[in-house]
C-alpha atoms as a PDB file:
ATOM      1  CA  MET A   1       0.000   0.000   0.000  1.00  0.00           C
ATOM      2  CA  THR A   2       1.437   3.367  -1.103  1.00  0.00           C
ATOM      3  CA  LEU A   3       0.815   6.829   0.326  1.00  0.00           C
ATOM      4  CA  ARG A   4      -1.148   7.634  -2.849  1.00  0.00           C
ATOM      5  CA  SER A   5      -3.487   4.667  -2.359  1.00  0.00           C
ATOM      6  CA  VAL A   6      -4.050   5.654   1.273  1.00  0.00           C
ATOM      7  CA  SER A   7      -4.941   9.187   0.146  1.00  0.00           C
ATOM      8  CA  VAL A   8      -7.425   7.865  -2.448  1.00  0.00           C
ATOM      9  CA  PHE A   9      -9.004   5.592   0.149  1.00  0.00           C
ATOM     10  CA  LEU A  10      -9.468   8.423   2.650  1.00  0.00           C
ATOM     11  CA  THR A  11     -10.981  10.717  -0.001  1.00  0.00           C
ATOM     12  CA  ALA A  12     -13.458   8.021  -1.022  1.00  0.00           C
ATOM     13  CA  ILE A  13     -14.728   7.363   2.492  1.00  0.00           C
ATOM     14  CA  ILE A  14     -15.251  11.052   3.261  1.00  0.00           C
ATOM     15  CA  LEU A  15     -17.459  11.310   0.147  1.00  0.00           C
ATOM     16  CA  ALA A  16     -19.479   8.186   1.063  1.00  0.00           C
ATOM     17  CA  ALA A  17     -23.244   8.854   1.106  1.00  0.00           C
ATOM     18  CA  ALA A  18     -26.474   7.161  -0.012  1.00  0.00           C
ATOM     19  CA  ALA A  19     -30.200   6.863   0.785  1.00  0.00           C
ATOM     20  CA  PRO A  20     -32.025   7.043   4.169  1.00  0.00           C
ATOM     21  CA  ALA A  21     -30.227   7.444   7.499  1.00  0.00           C
ATOM     22  CA  ILE A  22     -30.359   4.744  10.168  1.00  0.00           C
ATOM     23  CA  ALA A  23     -30.050   4.815  13.949  1.00  0.00           C
ATOM     24  CA  GLN A  24     -26.683   5.908  15.370  1.00  0.00           C
ATOM     25  CA  PRO A  25     -24.928   5.602  18.740  1.00  0.00           C
ATOM     26  CA  SER A  26     -25.757   8.268  21.310  1.00  0.00           C
ATOM     27  CA  ARG A  27     -23.717   9.946  24.025  1.00  0.00           C
ATOM     28  CA  GLY A  28     -22.670   7.359  26.605  1.00  0.00           C
ATOM     29  CA  SER A  29     -22.642   4.398  24.182  1.00  0.00           C
ATOM     30  CA  TRP A  30     -19.796   1.868  24.183  1.00  0.00           C
ATOM     31  CA  GLU A  31     -18.263   0.215  21.125  1.00  0.00           C
ATOM     32  CA  VAL A  32     -16.254  -3.025  21.001  1.00  0.00           C
ATOM     33  CA  SER A  33     -14.454  -4.143  17.828  1.00  0.00           C
ATOM     34  CA  GLY A  34     -11.997  -6.773  16.672  1.00  0.00           C
ATOM     35  CA  GLY A  35     -10.463  -7.911  13.403  1.00  0.00           C
ATOM     36  CA  GLY A  36      -7.357  -8.124  11.246  1.00  0.00           C
ATOM     37  CA  VAL A  37      -4.630  -5.582  10.501  1.00  0.00           C
ATOM     38  CA  PHE A  38      -1.852  -5.043   7.938  1.00  0.00           C
ATOM     39  CA  VAL A  39       1.270  -3.044   8.868  1.00  0.00           C
ATOM     40  CA  GLY A  40       3.761  -1.979   6.194  1.00  0.00           C
ATOM     41  CA  GLY A  41       7.475  -2.706   6.310  1.00  0.00           C
ATOM     42  CA  PHE A  42      10.459  -0.372   6.173  1.00  0.00           C
ATOM     43  CA  ASP A  43      14.117  -0.359   5.150  1.00  0.00           C
ATOM     44  CA  LEU A  44      16.678  -0.541   7.968  1.00  0.00           C
ATOM     45  CA  GLY A  45      19.619   0.342   5.742  1.00  0.00           C
ATOM     46  CA  SER A  46      23.059  -1.263   5.684  1.00  0.00           C
ATOM     47  CA  ALA A  47      25.398  -2.288   8.488  1.00  0.00           C
ATOM     48  CA  THR A  48      28.976  -3.537   8.595  1.00  0.00           C
ATOM     49  CA  ALA A  49      30.413  -6.186  10.896  1.00  0.00           C
ATOM     50  CA  GLU A  50      33.985  -5.245  11.776  1.00  0.00           C
ATOM     51  CA  LEU A  51      36.811  -7.067  13.518  1.00  0.00           C
ATOM     52  CA  THR A  52      39.445  -5.273  15.555  1.00  0.00           C
ATOM     53  CA  SER A  53      43.068  -5.747  14.515  1.00  0.00           C
ATOM     54  CA  ASN A  54      45.514  -7.500  16.829  1.00  0.00           C
ATOM     55  CA  THR A  55      47.050  -5.395  19.589  1.00  0.00           C
ATOM     56  CA  GLY A  56      50.258  -3.709  18.480  1.00  0.00           C
ATOM     57  CA  THR A  57      49.434  -3.556  14.779  1.00  0.00           C
ATOM     58  CA  SER A  58      49.009  -0.264  12.964  1.00  0.00           C
ATOM     59  CA  GLY A  59      45.930  -1.286  11.041  1.00  0.00           C
ATOM     60  CA  GLY A  60      42.442  -0.348  12.168  1.00  0.00           C
ATOM     61  CA  PRO A  61      39.341  -2.545  12.150  1.00  0.00           C
ATOM     62  CA  PHE A  62      38.553  -4.410   8.955  1.00  0.00           C
ATOM     63  CA  THR A  63      35.237  -5.445   7.454  1.00  0.00           C
ATOM     64  CA  TYR A  64      34.170  -9.014   8.168  1.00  0.00           C
ATOM     65  CA  PHE A  65      30.877  -8.868   6.236  1.00  0.00           C
ATOM     66  CA  ASP A  66      28.125  -6.427   5.190  1.00  0.00           C
ATOM     67  CA  THR A  67      24.370  -6.620   5.731  1.00  0.00           C
ATOM     68  CA  ASP A  68      21.376  -5.019   4.012  1.00  0.00           C
ATOM     69  CA  ASN A  69      18.430  -5.055   6.393  1.00  0.00           C
ATOM     70  CA  ARG A  70      14.687  -4.544   6.256  1.00  0.00           C
ATOM     71  CA  VAL A  71      11.518  -5.292   8.187  1.00  0.00           C
ATOM     72  CA  ASP A  72       8.888  -6.936   5.965  1.00  0.00           C
ATOM     73  CA  PRO A  73       5.177  -6.070   6.189  1.00  0.00           C
ATOM     74  CA  GLY A  74       3.249  -7.990   8.821  1.00  0.00           C
ATOM     75  CA  THR A  75      -0.330  -9.052   9.457  1.00  0.00           C
ATOM     76  CA  GLY A  76      -2.057  -9.695  12.741  1.00  0.00           C
ATOM     77  CA  PHE A  77      -5.010  -8.902  14.956  1.00  0.00           C
ATOM     78  CA  LEU A  78      -6.412  -5.878  16.737  1.00  0.00           C
ATOM     79  CA  GLY A  79      -9.068  -5.219  19.348  1.00  0.00           C
ATOM     80  CA  ARG A  80     -10.596  -1.974  20.660  1.00  0.00           C
ATOM     81  CA  ILE A  81     -13.072  -0.601  23.137  1.00  0.00           C
ATOM     82  CA  GLY A  82     -14.474   2.917  22.726  1.00  0.00           C
ATOM     83  CA  PHE A  83     -16.764   5.343  24.522  1.00  0.00           C
ATOM     84  CA  TYR A  84     -18.929   8.022  22.836  1.00  0.00           C
ATOM     85  CA  LEU A  85     -18.512  11.410  24.521  1.00  0.00           C
ATOM     86  CA  THR A  86     -21.036  12.828  22.043  1.00  0.00           C
ATOM     87  CA  ARG A  87     -22.848  11.386  19.016  1.00  0.00           C
ATOM     88  CA  SER A  88     -19.846  12.365  16.875  1.00  0.00           C
ATOM     89  CA  LEU A  89     -16.820  12.194  19.197  1.00  0.00           C
ATOM     90  CA  ALA A  90     -15.545   8.973  20.738  1.00  0.00           C
ATOM     91  CA  ILE A  91     -12.378   7.956  22.554  1.00  0.00           C
ATOM     92  CA  GLU A  92     -11.013   4.443  22.348  1.00  0.00           C
ATOM     93  CA  SER A  93      -8.147   2.270  23.491  1.00  0.00           C
ATOM     94  CA  GLY A  94      -6.857  -0.865  21.854  1.00  0.00           C
ATOM     95  CA  ILE A  95      -4.149  -3.420  21.256  1.00  0.00           C
ATOM     96  CA  ARG A  96      -2.522  -4.379  17.959  1.00  0.00           C
ATOM     97  CA  TYR A  97      -0.478  -7.557  17.539  1.00  0.00           C
ATOM     98  CA  THR A  98       1.594  -8.496  14.481  1.00  0.00           C
ATOM     99  CA  GLN A  99       4.532 -10.768  13.662  1.00  0.00           C
ATOM    100  CA  PRO A 100       6.719  -9.054  11.046  1.00  0.00           C
ATOM    101  CA  LYS A 101       9.945 -10.567   9.717  1.00  0.00           C
ATOM    102  CA  LEU A 102      13.402  -9.030   9.962  1.00  0.00           C
ATOM    103  CA  LYS A 103      15.508  -9.936   6.916  1.00  0.00           C
ATOM    104  CA  ALA A 104      19.266  -9.389   6.712  1.00  0.00           C
ATOM    105  CA  ARG A 105      21.107 -10.083   3.453  1.00  0.00           C
ATOM    106  CA  ILE A 106      24.699 -10.959   4.353  1.00  0.00           C
ATOM    107  CA  SER A 107      27.351 -10.363   1.707  1.00  0.00           C
ATOM    108  CA  GLY A 108      31.049  -9.624   1.264  1.00  0.00           C
ATOM    109  CA  ASP A 109      32.245 -12.246   3.763  1.00  0.00           C
ATOM    110  CA  THR A 110      36.039 -12.101   4.092  1.00  0.00           C
ATOM    111  CA  GLU A 111      36.242 -15.905   4.275  1.00  0.00           C
ATOM    112  CA  GLY A 112      34.437 -16.279   0.957  1.00  0.00           C
ATOM    113  CA  ALA A 113      31.131 -17.612   2.264  1.00  0.00           C
ATOM    114  CA  GLN A 114      28.156 -17.412  -0.087  1.00  0.00           C
ATOM    115  CA  ASN A 115      25.717 -14.534   0.231  1.00  0.00           C
ATOM    116  CA  ILE A 116      22.725 -15.548   2.339  1.00  0.00           C
ATOM    117  CA  THR A 117      19.555 -13.966   3.760  1.00  0.00           C
ATOM    118  CA  ALA A 118      18.911 -14.502   7.460  1.00  0.00           C
ATOM    119  CA  GLU A 119      15.374 -14.150   8.814  1.00  0.00           C
ATOM    120  CA  GLU A 120      13.879 -13.634  12.242  1.00  0.00           C
ATOM    121  CA  THR A 121      10.204 -13.330  13.169  1.00  0.00           C
ATOM    122  CA  PHE A 122       9.515 -11.043  16.116  1.00  0.00           C
ATOM    123  CA  SER A 123       6.351 -10.133  17.994  1.00  0.00           C
ATOM    124  CA  GLN A 124       5.141  -6.536  17.885  1.00  0.00           C
ATOM    125  CA  TYR A 125       2.558  -5.112  20.299  1.00  0.00           C
ATOM    126  CA  VAL A 126       1.045  -1.625  20.231  1.00  0.00           C
ATOM    127  CA  PHE A 127      -1.147  -0.472  23.120  1.00  0.00           C
ATOM    128  CA  ASP A 128      -2.780   2.782  22.034  1.00  0.00           C
ATOM    129  CA  GLY A 129      -5.424   5.403  22.608  1.00  0.00           C
ATOM    130  CA  SER A 130      -7.248   7.484  19.998  1.00  0.00           C
ATOM    131  CA  ALA A 131      -9.857  10.183  19.473  1.00  0.00           C
ATOM    132  CA  VAL A 132     -12.389   9.364  16.736  1.00  0.00           C
ATOM    133  CA  TRP A 133     -14.595  11.912  14.970  1.00  0.00           C
ATOM    134  CA  HIS A 134     -17.647  10.639  13.051  1.00  0.00           C
ATOM    135  CA  PHE A 135     -19.089  12.726  10.195  1.00  0.00           C
ATOM    136  CA  ARG A 136     -22.847  12.761  10.764  1.00  0.00           C
ATOM    137  CA  GLY A 137     -23.902  16.013   9.054  1.00  0.00           C
ATOM    138  CA  SER A 138     -24.153  17.114   5.431  1.00  0.00           C
ATOM    139  CA  GLY A 139     -25.446  13.785   4.186  1.00  0.00           C
ATOM    140  CA  ALA A 140     -22.902  11.586   5.984  1.00  0.00           C
ATOM    141  CA  GLY A 141     -24.112   8.572   7.918  1.00  0.00           C
ATOM    142  CA  ARG A 142     -26.688   7.679   5.260  1.00  0.00           C
ATOM    143  CA  GLY A 143     -27.348   4.308   3.705  1.00  0.00           C
ATOM    144  CA  GLY A 144     -25.655   2.582   6.659  1.00  0.00           C
ATOM    145  CA  LEU A 145     -22.313   4.368   6.101  1.00  0.00           C
ATOM    146  CA  THR A 146     -20.525   6.660   8.577  1.00  0.00           C
ATOM    147  CA  PRO A 147     -17.122   8.106   7.581  1.00  0.00           C
ATOM    148  CA  PHE A 148     -14.693   8.932  10.397  1.00  0.00           C
ATOM    149  CA  VAL A 149     -11.180  10.187  11.099  1.00  0.00           C
ATOM    150  CA  PHE A 150      -8.940   9.287  14.018  1.00  0.00           C
ATOM    151  CA  GLY A 151      -5.626  10.139  15.653  1.00  0.00           C
ATOM    152  CA  GLY A 152      -3.691   9.165  18.749  1.00  0.00           C
ATOM    153  CA  ALA A 153      -0.583   7.630  20.261  1.00  0.00           C
ATOM    154  CA  GLY A 154       0.520   4.416  21.916  1.00  0.00           C
ATOM    155  CA  TYR A 155       3.203   2.298  23.541  1.00  0.00           C
ATOM    156  CA  LEU A 156       5.302   0.052  21.266  1.00  0.00           C
ATOM    157  CA  ARG A 157       6.775  -3.213  22.568  1.00  0.00           C
ATOM    158  CA  GLU A 158       8.719  -5.701  20.441  1.00  0.00           C
ATOM    159  CA  LEU A 159       9.956  -9.158  21.472  1.00  0.00           C
ATOM    160  CA  HIS A 160      12.580 -11.079  19.524  1.00  0.00           C
ATOM    161  CA  GLU A 161      12.360 -14.838  18.980  1.00  0.00           C
ATOM    162  CA  GLY A 162      12.542 -16.690  22.266  1.00  0.00           C
ATOM    163  CA  ASP A 163      11.784 -13.406  24.076  1.00  0.00           C
ATOM    164  CA  ALA A 164      15.544 -12.979  24.426  1.00  0.00           C
ATOM    165  CA  LEU A 165      15.447  -9.228  23.763  1.00  0.00           C
ATOM    166  CA  VAL A 166      12.798  -6.560  24.366  1.00  0.00           C
ATOM    167  CA  GLU A 167      12.630  -3.237  22.506  1.00  0.00           C
ATOM    168  CA  GLU A 168      10.307  -0.374  23.491  1.00  0.00           C
ATOM    169  CA  GLY A 169       9.170   2.853  21.898  1.00  0.00           C
ATOM    170  CA  VAL A 170       6.334   5.285  21.189  1.00  0.00           C
ATOM    171  CA  GLU A 171       3.844   5.076  18.327  1.00  0.00           C
ATOM    172  CA  TYR A 172       1.744   7.883  16.774  1.00  0.00           C
ATOM    173  CA  HIS A 173      -1.027   7.307  14.250  1.00  0.00           C
ATOM    174  CA  GLY A 174      -3.721   9.004  12.221  1.00  0.00           C
ATOM    175  CA  GLY A 175      -6.071   8.189   9.373  1.00  0.00           C
ATOM    176  CA  GLY A 176      -9.671   7.636   8.421  1.00  0.00           C
ATOM    177  CA  GLY A 177     -12.205   5.011   7.585  1.00  0.00           C
ATOM    178  CA  VAL A 178     -15.853   4.123   7.240  1.00  0.00           C
ATOM    179  CA  LYS A 179     -18.332   2.173   9.339  1.00  0.00           C
ATOM    180  CA  TRP A 180     -20.996   0.158   7.568  1.00  0.00           C
ATOM    181  CA  TRP A 181     -23.927  -0.364   9.914  1.00  0.00           C
ATOM    182  CA  LEU A 182     -25.854  -3.622   9.584  1.00  0.00           C
ATOM    183  CA  GLY A 183     -29.582  -3.632  10.325  1.00  0.00           C
ATOM    184  CA  ALA A 184     -32.050  -0.815  10.982  1.00  0.00           C
ATOM    185  CA  ARG A 185     -31.093  -0.406  14.647  1.00  0.00           C
ATOM    186  CA  GLY A 186     -27.473   0.399  13.824  1.00  0.00           C
ATOM    187  CA  ARG A 187     -25.922  -1.586  16.693  1.00  0.00           C
ATOM    188  CA  MET A 188     -23.365  -3.664  14.807  1.00  0.00           C
ATOM    189  CA  GLY A 189     -21.445  -3.547  11.569  1.00  0.00           C
ATOM    190  CA  VAL A 190     -18.153  -3.623   9.684  1.00  0.00           C
ATOM    191  CA  ARG A 191     -15.332  -1.099  10.083  1.00  0.00           C
ATOM    192  CA  ALA A 192     -12.628  -0.432   7.454  1.00  0.00           C
ATOM    193  CA  GLU A 193      -9.791   2.053   7.891  1.00  0.00           C
ATOM    194  CA  ALA A 194      -6.355   3.089   6.683  1.00  0.00           C
ATOM    195  CA  GLY A 195      -3.727   5.535   7.833  1.00  0.00           C
ATOM    196  CA  LEU A 196      -0.125   6.078   8.842  1.00  0.00           C
ATOM    197  CA  SER A 197       1.763   4.836  11.885  1.00  0.00           C
ATOM    198  CA  ILE A 198       4.864   6.681  13.074  1.00  0.00           C
ATOM    199  CA  ARG A 199       7.149   4.617  15.294  1.00  0.00           C
ATOM    200  CA  ASP A 200       9.809   6.220  17.480  1.00  0.00           C
ATOM    201  CA  GLY A 201      11.959   3.515  19.055  1.00  0.00           C
ATOM    202  CA  GLY A 202      11.511  -0.232  18.969  1.00  0.00           C
ATOM    203  CA  PHE A 203      13.846  -2.462  16.990  1.00  0.00           C
ATOM    204  CA  ASP A 204      15.994  -0.373  14.669  1.00  0.00           C
ATOM    205  CA  PHE A 205      19.650   0.045  13.739  1.00  0.00           C
ATOM    206  CA  ASP A 206      19.263   3.821  13.540  1.00  0.00           C
ATOM    207  CA  ASP A 207      17.766   6.170  16.113  1.00  0.00           C
ATOM    208  CA  LYS A 208      15.114   7.631  13.812  1.00  0.00           C
ATOM    209  CA  ARG A 209      11.367   7.686  13.302  1.00  0.00           C
ATOM    210  CA  ARG A 210       9.787   5.332  10.793  1.00  0.00           C
ATOM    211  CA  VAL A 211       6.505   5.961   8.947  1.00  0.00           C
ATOM    212  CA  VAL A 212       4.536   2.930   7.727  1.00  0.00           C
ATOM    213  CA  PRO A 213       1.054   2.481   6.226  1.00  0.00           C
ATOM    214  CA  VAL A 214      -1.548   0.603   8.258  1.00  0.00           C
ATOM    215  CA  ALA A 215      -4.886  -0.841   7.100  1.00  0.00           C
ATOM    216  CA  ALA A 216      -7.457  -2.779   9.112  1.00  0.00           C
ATOM    217  CA  GLY A 217     -10.871  -4.364   8.870  1.00  0.00           C
ATOM    218  CA  SER A 218     -13.003  -5.404  11.826  1.00  0.00           C
ATOM    219  CA  PHE A 219     -16.479  -6.130  13.139  1.00  0.00           C
ATOM    220  CA  PHE A 220     -17.943  -3.850  15.800  1.00  0.00           C
ATOM    221  CA  TRP A 221     -20.814  -3.855  18.255  1.00  0.00           C
ATOM    222  CA  VAL A 222     -22.324  -0.824  20.025  1.00  0.00           C
ATOM    223  CA  PHE A 223     -24.221  -1.074  23.310  1.00  0.00           C
END
């Protein structure tokens, strides 16, 4: 998923509208949702493994091998619980779990070993909170569709295979989506959304922020 496709998706959901309006959550309602999520990958750049020369020699460290590294996209699950402060504004908290793969292509070995790609699957958790604004005026919320936008922040926790190493960080996110209400009472339905996730910390070779696309689909229930 590219930034252009995310932009097209968000534009489409804001323009969503059709025939008669249905019932909507009121102030004080709760919403529970759960479903699947896709999180994009990112390039970690190159790194060099160096060996230190013997004591007393004039030479500095020399390269043992080089690596080109990246985190592949991952899929997983998410769950949320939200509370409607007004008919349009809700706050929610949730958890997102994925298992992306870290791939390192090893080349240039000084002992002449063949180039190989090493892989490791790690567990990624995001515990977050968001504000959600639902568009209910100007024709929105008709035909069982309610467009919305959201934004928030969370805690990032990553565990390497065997839980041998833990990495932590902060996550920021924003985007939009649409809720498709099922039935005339408008108490349950399907939620689709897309946006950007900015991670600061977690597993990385460089101390920098990474921006990745995120898309999710889930079922929800309002009570």
